[in-house]
Every structure is written in structure tokens, then in C-alpha cells.
Amino acid sequence: MSHIDFTQPMTFQSALQNFVLSLACVMVALRDEAAFRDEVDYATLNAANLYCSLLEDSHREAMALVDGMEKRVF
């Protein structure tokens, strides 16, 4: 994985590579919380709901952007 160089513009591919690593870490932590925490931690539950909302909103926006890119190509 490449290091982030804030002096240069970041390509989408490079940003995605960093995001995928972060997403994998978040999912492991969320799975651990769901599988091994006995008592409810409301801060974690709120954070998990925020995470789900961010993914949902990002998915909608990303799909709209992809559709726009595809229209330019085809």
C-alpha cells in the first residue's frame, strides 16, 4: 500500500486502496463488538448506526457518480 502524500493530488485508486484497508479494520472491530461484548455499549451502538448511515449515503452518491461517468463513456 502506498503512503499518503499530501503534497500531490490523490488518485481515486490510491484513495480506494486506503479506504478498503480502513473498511476491513472497521468491520473486524464491529464483528468483535457484536460477537463478544455481553453488555450493550450505547456509544458503540450509536457509532455503528452512524457507520451504516455513512455507507448508505455514500453508496447512493457513488452510484450516481458512476452513472454519470458511464453516460459520458457510452
PDB file of N, CA and C in Angstrom:
ATOM      1  N   MET A   1       0.839  -1.166   0.000  1.00  0.00           N
ATOM      2  CA  MET A   1       0.000   0.000   0.000  1.00  0.00           C
ATOM      3  C   MET A   1       0.891   1.238   0.000  1.00  0.00           C
ATOM      4  N   SER A   2       0.486   2.208  -0.823  1.00  0.00           N
ATOM      5  CA  SER A   2       1.278   3.427  -0.918  1.00  0.00           C
ATOM      6  C   SER A   2       0.986   4.362   0.253  1.00  0.00           C
ATOM      7  N   HIS A   3       1.956   5.169   0.583  1.00  0.00           N
ATOM      8  CA  HIS A   3       1.780   6.165   1.639  1.00  0.00           C
ATOM      9  C   HIS A   3       0.993   7.344   1.073  1.00  0.00           C
ATOM     10  N   ILE A   4       0.306   8.041   1.943  1.00  0.00           N
ATOM     11  CA  ILE A   4      -0.435   9.217   1.516  1.00  0.00           C
ATOM     12  C   ILE A   4       0.529  10.396   1.459  1.00  0.00           C
ATOM     13  N   ASP A   5       0.612  11.011   0.290  1.00  0.00           N
ATOM     14  CA  ASP A   5       1.462  12.176   0.076  1.00  0.00           C
ATOM     15  C   ASP A   5       0.551  13.382  -0.126  1.00  0.00           C
ATOM     16  N   PHE A   6       0.447  14.211   0.906  1.00  0.00           N
ATOM     17  CA  PHE A   6      -0.470  15.342   0.856  1.00  0.00           C
ATOM     18  C   PHE A   6       0.046  16.482  -0.015  1.00  0.00           C
ATOM     19  N   THR A   7       1.235  16.339  -0.593  1.00  0.00           N
ATOM     20  CA  THR A   7       1.748  17.371  -1.488  1.00  0.00           C
ATOM     21  C   THR A   7       1.346  17.106  -2.933  1.00  0.00           C
ATOM     22  N   GLN A   8       0.753  15.929  -3.178  1.00  0.00           N
ATOM     23  CA  GLN A   8       0.343  15.542  -4.526  1.00  0.00           C
ATOM     24  C   GLN A   8      -1.155  15.211  -4.533  1.00  0.00           C
ATOM     25  N   PRO A   9      -1.817  15.442  -5.662  1.00  0.00           N
ATOM     26  CA  PRO A   9      -3.219  15.022  -5.743  1.00  0.00           C
ATOM     27  C   PRO A   9      -3.325  13.497  -5.599  1.00  0.00           C
ATOM     28  N   MET A  10      -4.349  13.053  -4.893  1.00  0.00           N
ATOM     29  CA  MET A  10      -4.539  11.622  -4.688  1.00  0.00           C
ATOM     30  C   MET A  10      -5.431  11.072  -5.801  1.00  0.00           C
ATOM     31  N   THR A  11      -5.037   9.967  -6.381  1.00  0.00           N
ATOM     32  CA  THR A  11      -5.879   9.330  -7.388  1.00  0.00           C
ATOM     33  C   THR A  11      -7.006   8.578  -6.696  1.00  0.00           C
ATOM     34  N   PHE A  12      -8.073   8.334  -7.432  1.00  0.00           N
ATOM     35  CA  PHE A  12      -9.181   7.569  -6.874  1.00  0.00           C
ATOM     36  C   PHE A  12      -8.713   6.171  -6.474  1.00  0.00           C
ATOM     37  N   GLN A  13      -7.884   5.541  -7.288  1.00  0.00           N
ATOM     38  CA  GLN A  13      -7.408   4.191  -6.993  1.00  0.00           C
ATOM     39  C   GLN A  13      -6.604   4.155  -5.700  1.00  0.00           C
ATOM     40  N   SER A  14      -5.769   5.152  -5.490  1.00  0.00           N
ATOM     41  CA  SER A  14      -4.971   5.213  -4.269  1.00  0.00           C
ATOM     42  C   SER A  14      -5.867   5.449  -3.050  1.00  0.00           C
ATOM     43  N   ALA A  15      -6.832   6.352  -3.183  1.00  0.00           N
ATOM     44  CA  ALA A  15      -7.764   6.620  -2.087  1.00  0.00           C
ATOM     45  C   ALA A  15      -8.581   5.381  -1.765  1.00  0.00           C
ATOM     46  N   LEU A  16      -9.008   4.662  -2.791  1.00  0.00           N
ATOM     47  CA  LEU A  16      -9.793   3.440  -2.590  1.00  0.00           C
ATOM     48  C   LEU A  16      -8.973   2.380  -1.868  1.00  0.00           C
ATOM     49  N   GLN A  17      -7.723   2.254  -2.208  1.00  0.00           N
ATOM     50  CA  GLN A  17      -6.852   1.282  -1.541  1.00  0.00           C
ATOM     51  C   GLN A  17      -6.778   1.568  -0.043  1.00  0.00           C
ATOM     52  N   ASN A  18      -6.629   2.816   0.321  1.00  0.00           N
ATOM     53  CA  ASN A  18      -6.595   3.185   1.739  1.00  0.00           C
ATOM     54  C   ASN A  18      -7.946   2.970   2.404  1.00  0.00           C
ATOM     55  N   PHE A  19      -9.020   3.279   1.697  1.00  0.00           N
ATOM     56  CA  PHE A  19     -10.369   3.096   2.240  1.00  0.00           C
ATOM     57  C   PHE A  19     -10.663   1.619   2.502  1.00  0.00           C
ATOM     58  N   VAL A  20     -10.276   0.752   1.578  1.00  0.00           N
ATOM     59  CA  VAL A  20     -10.539  -0.681   1.731  1.00  0.00           C
ATOM     60  C   VAL A  20      -9.859  -1.220   2.991  1.00  0.00           C
ATOM     61  N   LEU A  21      -8.652  -0.794   3.250  1.00  0.00           N
ATOM     62  CA  LEU A  21      -7.959  -1.219   4.458  1.00  0.00           C
ATOM     63  C   LEU A  21      -8.693  -0.727   5.703  1.00  0.00           C
ATOM     64  N   SER A  22      -9.104   0.533   5.684  1.00  0.00           N
ATOM     65  CA  SER A  22      -9.849   1.086   6.818  1.00  0.00           C
ATOM     66  C   SER A  22     -11.182   0.377   7.006  1.00  0.00           C
ATOM     67  N   LEU A  23     -11.873   0.114   5.920  1.00  0.00           N
ATOM     68  CA  LEU A  23     -13.158  -0.583   5.983  1.00  0.00           C
ATOM     69  C   LEU A  23     -12.990  -1.977   6.582  1.00  0.00           C
ATOM     70  N   ALA A  24     -11.957  -2.675   6.184  1.00  0.00           N
ATOM     71  CA  ALA A  24     -11.705  -4.013   6.737  1.00  0.00           C
ATOM     72  C   ALA A  24     -11.463  -3.940   8.242  1.00  0.00           C
ATOM     73  N   CYS A  25     -10.703  -2.961   8.697  1.00  0.00           N
ATOM     74  CA  CYS A  25     -10.440  -2.807  10.135  1.00  0.00           C
ATOM     75  C   CYS A  25     -11.725  -2.500  10.898  1.00  0.00           C
ATOM     76  N   VAL A  26     -12.551  -1.604  10.352  1.00  0.00           N
ATOM     77  CA  VAL A  26     -13.811  -1.244  10.998  1.00  0.00           C
ATOM     78  C   VAL A  26     -14.734  -2.453  11.077  1.00  0.00           C
ATOM     79  N   MET A  27     -14.801  -3.231  10.020  1.00  0.00           N
ATOM     80  CA  MET A  27     -15.685  -4.397  10.020  1.00  0.00           C
ATOM     81  C   MET A  27     -15.220  -5.448  11.030  1.00  0.00           C
ATOM     82  N   VAL A  28     -13.930  -5.652  11.156  1.00  0.00           N
ATOM     83  CA  VAL A  28     -13.415  -6.593  12.157  1.00  0.00           C
ATOM     84  C   VAL A  28     -13.797  -6.128  13.553  1.00  0.00           C
ATOM     85  N   ALA A  29     -13.618  -4.843  13.827  1.00  0.00           N
ATOM     86  CA  ALA A  29     -13.957  -4.310  15.146  1.00  0.00           C
ATOM     87  C   ALA A  29     -15.451  -4.425  15.418  1.00  0.00           C
ATOM     88  N   LEU A  30     -16.291  -4.142  14.416  1.00  0.00           N
ATOM     89  CA  LEU A  30     -17.738  -4.249  14.591  1.00  0.00           C
ATOM     90  C   LEU A  30     -18.161  -5.697  14.811  1.00  0.00           C
ATOM     91  N   ARG A  31     -17.574  -6.609  14.061  1.00  0.00           N
ATOM     92  CA  ARG A  31     -17.876  -8.039  14.273  1.00  0.00           C
ATOM     93  C   ARG A  31     -17.482  -8.478  15.676  1.00  0.00           C
ATOM     94  N   ASP A  32     -16.323  -8.036  16.146  1.00  0.00           N
ATOM     95  CA  ASP A  32     -15.888  -8.370  17.507  1.00  0.00           C
ATOM     96  C   ASP A  32     -16.855  -7.826  18.545  1.00  0.00           C
ATOM     97  N   GLU A  33     -17.298  -6.589  18.362  1.00  0.00           N
ATOM     98  CA  GLU A  33     -18.266  -5.992  19.288  1.00  0.00           C
ATOM     99  C   GLU A  33     -19.547  -6.814  19.321  1.00  0.00           C
ATOM    100  N   ALA A  34     -20.048  -7.175  18.144  1.00  0.00           N
ATOM    101  CA  ALA A  34     -21.302  -7.918  18.061  1.00  0.00           C
ATOM    102  C   ALA A  34     -21.161  -9.323  18.630  1.00  0.00           C
ATOM    103  N   ALA A  35     -20.005  -9.937  18.467  1.00  0.00           N
ATOM    104  CA  ALA A  35     -19.834 -11.331  18.872  1.00  0.00           C
ATOM    105  C   ALA A  35     -19.420 -11.489  20.328  1.00  0.00           C
ATOM    106  N   PHE A  36     -18.659 -10.557  20.866  1.00  0.00           N
ATOM    107  CA  PHE A  36     -18.029 -10.803  22.160  1.00  0.00           C
ATOM    108  C   PHE A  36     -18.430  -9.850  23.287  1.00  0.00           C
ATOM    109  N   ARG A  37     -19.094  -8.748  22.985  1.00  0.00           N
ATOM    110  CA  ARG A  37     -19.482  -7.831  24.059  1.00  0.00           C
ATOM    111  C   ARG A  37     -20.811  -8.297  24.638  1.00  0.00           C
ATOM    112  N   ASP A  38     -20.832  -8.533  25.947  1.00  0.00           N
ATOM    113  CA  ASP A  38     -22.040  -9.021  26.603  1.00  0.00           C
ATOM    114  C   ASP A  38     -23.036  -7.908  26.887  1.00  0.00           C
ATOM    115  N   GLU A  39     -22.553  -6.792  27.420  1.00  0.00           N
ATOM    116  CA  GLU A  39     -23.456  -5.692  27.755  1.00  0.00           C
ATOM    117  C   GLU A  39     -23.518  -4.708  26.592  1.00  0.00           C
ATOM    118  N   VAL A  40     -24.631  -4.001  26.506  1.00  0.00           N
ATOM    119  CA  VAL A  40     -24.813  -3.027  25.436  1.00  0.00           C
ATOM    120  C   VAL A  40     -23.978  -1.783  25.727  1.00  0.00           C
ATOM    121  N   ASP A  41     -23.185  -1.388  24.773  1.00  0.00           N
ATOM    122  CA  ASP A  41     -22.417  -0.142  24.852  1.00  0.00           C
ATOM    123  C   ASP A  41     -23.085   0.827  23.890  1.00  0.00           C
ATOM    124  N   TYR A  42     -23.810   1.794  24.435  1.00  0.00           N
ATOM    125  CA  TYR A  42     -24.595   2.686  23.594  1.00  0.00           C
ATOM    126  C   TYR A  42     -23.738   3.568  22.695  1.00  0.00           C
ATOM    127  N   ALA A  43     -22.554   3.910  23.133  1.00  0.00           N
ATOM    128  CA  ALA A  43     -21.670   4.703  22.277  1.00  0.00           C
ATOM    129  C   ALA A  43     -21.270   3.896  21.036  1.00  0.00           C
ATOM    130  N   THR A  44     -20.973   2.629  21.231  1.00  0.00           N
ATOM    131  CA  THR A  44     -20.617   1.763  20.102  1.00  0.00           C
ATOM    132  C   THR A  44     -21.827   1.532  19.207  1.00  0.00           C
ATOM    133  N   LEU A  45     -22.982   1.337  19.802  1.00  0.00           N
ATOM    134  CA  LEU A  45     -24.203   1.143  19.022  1.00  0.00           C
ATOM    135  C   LEU A  45     -24.509   2.388  18.187  1.00  0.00           C
ATOM    136  N   ASN A  46     -24.374   3.560  18.779  1.00  0.00           N
ATOM    137  CA  ASN A  46     -24.578   4.801  18.025  1.00  0.00           C
ATOM    138  C   ASN A  46     -23.558   4.949  16.905  1.00  0.00           C
ATOM    139  N   ALA A  47     -22.314   4.604  17.193  1.00  0.00           N
ATOM    140  CA  ALA A  47     -21.263   4.682  16.173  1.00  0.00           C
ATOM    141  C   ALA A  47     -21.542   3.705  15.029  1.00  0.00           C
ATOM    142  N   ALA A  48     -22.024   2.524  15.354  1.00  0.00           N
ATOM    143  CA  ALA A  48     -22.342   1.534  14.322  1.00  0.00           C
ATOM    144  C   ALA A  48     -23.491   2.018  13.446  1.00  0.00           C
ATOM    145  N   ASN A  49     -24.479   2.651  14.059  1.00  0.00           N
ATOM    146  CA  ASN A  49     -25.582   3.206  13.270  1.00  0.00           C
ATOM    147  C   ASN A  49     -25.111   4.345  12.380  1.00  0.00           C
ATOM    148  N   LEU A  50     -24.227   5.188  12.883  1.00  0.00           N
ATOM    149  CA  LEU A  50     -23.655   6.252  12.072  1.00  0.00           C
ATOM    150  C   LEU A  50     -22.874   5.661  10.898  1.00  0.00           C
ATOM    151  N   TYR A  51     -22.087   4.625  11.169  1.00  0.00           N
ATOM    152  CA  TYR A  51     -21.312   3.930  10.135  1.00  0.00           C
ATOM    153  C   TYR A  51     -22.248   3.422   9.034  1.00  0.00           C
ATOM    154  N   CYS A  52     -23.347   2.788   9.421  1.00  0.00           N
ATOM    155  CA  CYS A  52     -24.306   2.270   8.437  1.00  0.00           C
ATOM    156  C   CYS A  52     -24.913   3.403   7.616  1.00  0.00           C
ATOM    157  N   SER A  53     -25.232   4.510   8.256  1.00  0.00           N
ATOM    158  CA  SER A  53     -25.787   5.660   7.543  1.00  0.00           C
ATOM    159  C   SER A  53     -24.777   6.238   6.555  1.00  0.00           C
ATOM    160  N   LEU A  54     -23.524   6.335   6.984  1.00  0.00           N
ATOM    161  CA  LEU A  54     -22.481   6.840   6.088  1.00  0.00           C
ATOM    162  C   LEU A  54     -22.321   5.944   4.869  1.00  0.00           C
ATOM    163  N   LEU A  55     -22.334   4.636   5.091  1.00  0.00           N
ATOM    164  CA  LEU A  55     -22.211   3.711   3.967  1.00  0.00           C
ATOM    165  C   LEU A  55     -23.391   3.837   3.009  1.00  0.00           C
ATOM    166  N   GLU A  56     -24.586   3.947   3.567  1.00  0.00           N
ATOM    167  CA  GLU A  56     -25.782   4.066   2.738  1.00  0.00           C
ATOM    168  C   GLU A  56     -25.749   5.355   1.914  1.00  0.00           C
ATOM    169  N   ASP A  57     -25.441   6.472   2.557  1.00  0.00           N
ATOM    170  CA  ASP A  57     -25.383   7.745   1.846  1.00  0.00           C
ATOM    171  C   ASP A  57     -24.275   7.743   0.800  1.00  0.00           C
ATOM    172  N   SER A  58     -23.132   7.204   1.163  1.00  0.00           N
ATOM    173  CA  SER A  58     -22.004   7.148   0.231  1.00  0.00           C
ATOM    174  C   SER A  58     -22.323   6.261  -0.959  1.00  0.00           C
ATOM    175  N   HIS A  59     -23.023   5.171  -0.711  1.00  0.00           N
ATOM    176  CA  HIS A  59     -23.378   4.257  -1.799  1.00  0.00           C
ATOM    177  C   HIS A  59     -24.274   4.955  -2.813  1.00  0.00           C
ATOM    178  N   ARG A  60     -25.281   5.662  -2.328  1.00  0.00           N
ATOM    179  CA  ARG A  60     -26.190   6.388  -3.232  1.00  0.00           C
ATOM    180  C   ARG A  60     -25.418   7.407  -4.072  1.00  0.00           C
ATOM    181  N   GLU A  61     -24.572   8.176  -3.417  1.00  0.00           N
ATOM    182  CA  GLU A  61     -23.831   9.205  -4.142  1.00  0.00           C
ATOM    183  C   GLU A  61     -22.837   8.586  -5.123  1.00  0.00           C
ATOM    184  N   ALA A  62     -22.150   7.532  -4.691  1.00  0.00           N
ATOM    185  CA  ALA A  62     -21.174   6.877  -5.573  1.00  0.00           C
ATOM    186  C   ALA A  62     -21.863   6.304  -6.807  1.00  0.00           C
ATOM    187  N   MET A  63     -23.032   5.695  -6.621  1.00  0.00           N
ATOM    188  CA  MET A  63     -23.745   5.125  -7.764  1.00  0.00           C
ATOM    189  C   MET A  63     -24.182   6.219  -8.736  1.00  0.00           C
ATOM    190  N   ALA A  64     -24.601   7.368  -8.221  1.00  0.00           N
ATOM    191  CA  ALA A  64     -24.974   8.476  -9.091  1.00  0.00           C
ATOM    192  C   ALA A  64     -23.761   8.973  -9.877  1.00  0.00           C
ATOM    193  N   LEU A  65     -22.612   9.049  -9.219  1.00  0.00           N
ATOM    194  CA  LEU A  65     -21.393   9.480  -9.912  1.00  0.00           C
ATOM    195  C   LEU A  65     -20.962   8.472 -10.971  1.00  0.00           C
ATOM    196  N   VAL A  66     -21.049   7.191 -10.641  1.00  0.00           N
ATOM    197  CA  VAL A  66     -20.705   6.144 -11.611  1.00  0.00           C
ATOM    198  C   VAL A  66     -21.646   6.204 -12.811  1.00  0.00           C
ATOM    199  N   ASP A  67     -22.938   6.396 -12.554  1.00  0.00           N
ATOM    200  CA  ASP A  67     -23.896   6.513 -13.660  1.00  0.00           C
ATOM    201  C   ASP A  67     -23.524   7.672 -14.584  1.00  0.00           C
ATOM    202  N   GLY A  68     -23.141   8.805 -13.995  1.00  0.00           N
ATOM    203  CA  GLY A  68     -22.729   9.950 -14.798  1.00  0.00           C
ATOM    204  C   GLY A  68     -21.485   9.656 -15.623  1.00  0.00           C
ATOM    205  N   MET A  69     -20.539   8.949 -15.023  1.00  0.00           N
ATOM    206  CA  MET A  69     -19.320   8.586 -15.759  1.00  0.00           C
ATOM    207  C   MET A  69     -19.645   7.637 -16.905  1.00  0.00           C
ATOM    208  N   GLU A  70     -20.538   6.669 -16.653  1.00  0.00           N
ATOM    209  CA  GLU A  70     -20.904   5.707 -17.683  1.00  0.00           C
ATOM    210  C   GLU A  70     -21.624   6.389 -18.848  1.00  0.00           C
ATOM    211  N   LYS A  71     -22.446   7.386 -18.551  1.00  0.00           N
ATOM    212  CA  LYS A  71     -23.160   8.102 -19.610  1.00  0.00           C
ATOM    213  C   LYS A  71     -22.185   8.843 -20.537  1.00  0.00           C
ATOM    214  N   ARG A  72     -21.084   9.320 -19.958  1.00  0.00           N
ATOM    215  CA  ARG A  72     -20.084  10.001 -20.782  1.00  0.00           C
ATOM    216  C   ARG A  72     -19.335   9.015 -21.663  1.00  0.00           C
ATOM    217  N   VAL A  73     -19.188   7.778 -21.206  1.00  0.00           N
ATOM    218  CA  VAL A  73     -18.426   6.781 -21.948  1.00  0.00           C
ATOM    219  C   VAL A  73     -19.271   6.159 -23.057  1.00  0.00           C
ATOM    220  N   PHE A  74     -20.519   5.887 -22.746  1.00  0.00           N
ATOM    221  CA  PHE A  74     -21.368   5.155 -23.707  1.00  0.00           C
ATOM    222  C   PHE A  74     -22.206   6.087 -24.483  1.00  0.00           C
TER     223      PHE A  74
END
